[in-house]
Amino acid sequence: MSEPVVAKVWWEAPHQGMLERFLAPSDVVAFGRGAGCAIRIGHAPVYLENVP
């Protein structure tokens, strides 16, 4: 039996358009800038050397 969907997250991914993910109550999803994150936000595909 599948769990009900309680939330939807959508974001604009670089070079991929809009992505979305549906979440159930028991889902644990990492989000952030890291490559291992399921939901990547603030991603900069080109490393900027001049950022303090």
C-alpha atoms as a PDB file:
ATOM      1  CA  MET A   1       0.000   0.000   0.000  1.00  0.00           C
ATOM      2  CA  SER A   2       1.434   3.360  -0.951  1.00  0.00           C
ATOM      3  CA  GLU A   3       1.393   6.394   1.302  1.00  0.00           C
ATOM      4  CA  PRO A   4      -0.631   9.505   0.483  1.00  0.00           C
ATOM      5  CA  VAL A   5       1.069  12.500  -1.094  1.00  0.00           C
ATOM      6  CA  VAL A   6       1.157  15.385   1.378  1.00  0.00           C
ATOM      7  CA  ALA A   7       3.471  17.844  -0.375  1.00  0.00           C
ATOM      8  CA  LYS A   8       4.934  18.738  -3.729  1.00  0.00           C
ATOM      9  CA  VAL A   9       8.245  20.497  -4.280  1.00  0.00           C
ATOM     10  CA  TRP A  10       9.136  22.027  -7.622  1.00  0.00           C
ATOM     11  CA  TRP A  11      12.143  24.007  -8.713  1.00  0.00           C
ATOM     12  CA  GLU A  12      13.922  25.179 -11.814  1.00  0.00           C
ATOM     13  CA  ALA A  13      16.977  23.020 -12.373  1.00  0.00           C
ATOM     14  CA  PRO A  14      19.897  24.285 -14.436  1.00  0.00           C
ATOM     15  CA  HIS A  15      19.769  22.836 -17.959  1.00  0.00           C
ATOM     16  CA  GLN A  16      16.798  20.592 -17.054  1.00  0.00           C
ATOM     17  CA  GLY A  17      13.800  22.912 -16.832  1.00  0.00           C
ATOM     18  CA  MET A  18      11.295  22.484 -14.032  1.00  0.00           C
ATOM     19  CA  LEU A  19      11.628  19.414 -11.829  1.00  0.00           C
ATOM     20  CA  GLU A  20       9.141  18.207  -9.246  1.00  0.00           C
ATOM     21  CA  ARG A  21       9.009  15.718  -6.431  1.00  0.00           C
ATOM     22  CA  PHE A  22       5.996  14.443  -4.509  1.00  0.00           C
ATOM     23  CA  LEU A  23       6.465  13.703  -0.814  1.00  0.00           C
ATOM     24  CA  ALA A  24       4.744  11.248   1.539  1.00  0.00           C
ATOM     25  CA  PRO A  25       4.655  11.606   5.345  1.00  0.00           C
ATOM     26  CA  SER A  26       7.602   9.243   5.879  1.00  0.00           C
ATOM     27  CA  ASP A  27       9.888  10.769   3.207  1.00  0.00           C
ATOM     28  CA  VAL A  28      13.200  12.228   4.266  1.00  0.00           C
ATOM     29  CA  VAL A  29      14.788  14.219   1.466  1.00  0.00           C
ATOM     30  CA  ALA A  30      18.114  16.048   1.531  1.00  0.00           C
ATOM     31  CA  PHE A  31      18.071  19.423  -0.168  1.00  0.00           C
ATOM     32  CA  GLY A  32      20.798  21.954  -0.704  1.00  0.00           C
ATOM     33  CA  ARG A  33      23.745  22.609  -3.014  1.00  0.00           C
ATOM     34  CA  GLY A  34      25.512  19.258  -2.668  1.00  0.00           C
ATOM     35  CA  ALA A  35      25.728  16.775  -5.529  1.00  0.00           C
ATOM     36  CA  GLY A  36      24.127  14.083  -3.367  1.00  0.00           C
ATOM     37  CA  CYS A  37      21.017  16.129  -2.602  1.00  0.00           C
ATOM     38  CA  ALA A  38      17.736  14.937  -4.076  1.00  0.00           C
ATOM     39  CA  ILE A  39      16.528  18.536  -4.355  1.00  0.00           C
ATOM     40  CA  ARG A  40      19.301  20.874  -5.451  1.00  0.00           C
ATOM     41  CA  ILE A  41      18.823  24.577  -4.795  1.00  0.00           C
ATOM     42  CA  GLY A  42      21.265  27.404  -5.329  1.00  0.00           C
ATOM     43  CA  HIS A  43      23.350  25.164  -7.594  1.00  0.00           C
ATOM     44  CA  ALA A  44      26.136  26.924  -9.476  1.00  0.00           C
ATOM     45  CA  PRO A  45      27.402  24.632 -12.254  1.00  0.00           C
ATOM     46  CA  VAL A  46      30.479  26.801 -12.756  1.00  0.00           C
ATOM     47  CA  TYR A  47      32.792  27.235  -9.762  1.00  0.00           C
ATOM     48  CA  LEU A  48      33.282  30.908  -8.954  1.00  0.00           C
ATOM     49  CA  GLU A  49      36.741  31.663  -7.538  1.00  0.00           C
ATOM     50  CA  ASN A  50      35.918  35.252  -6.601  1.00  0.00           C
ATOM     51  CA  VAL A  51      33.055  34.491  -4.176  1.00  0.00           C
ATOM     52  CA  PRO A  52      34.104  35.417  -0.619  1.00  0.00           C
END
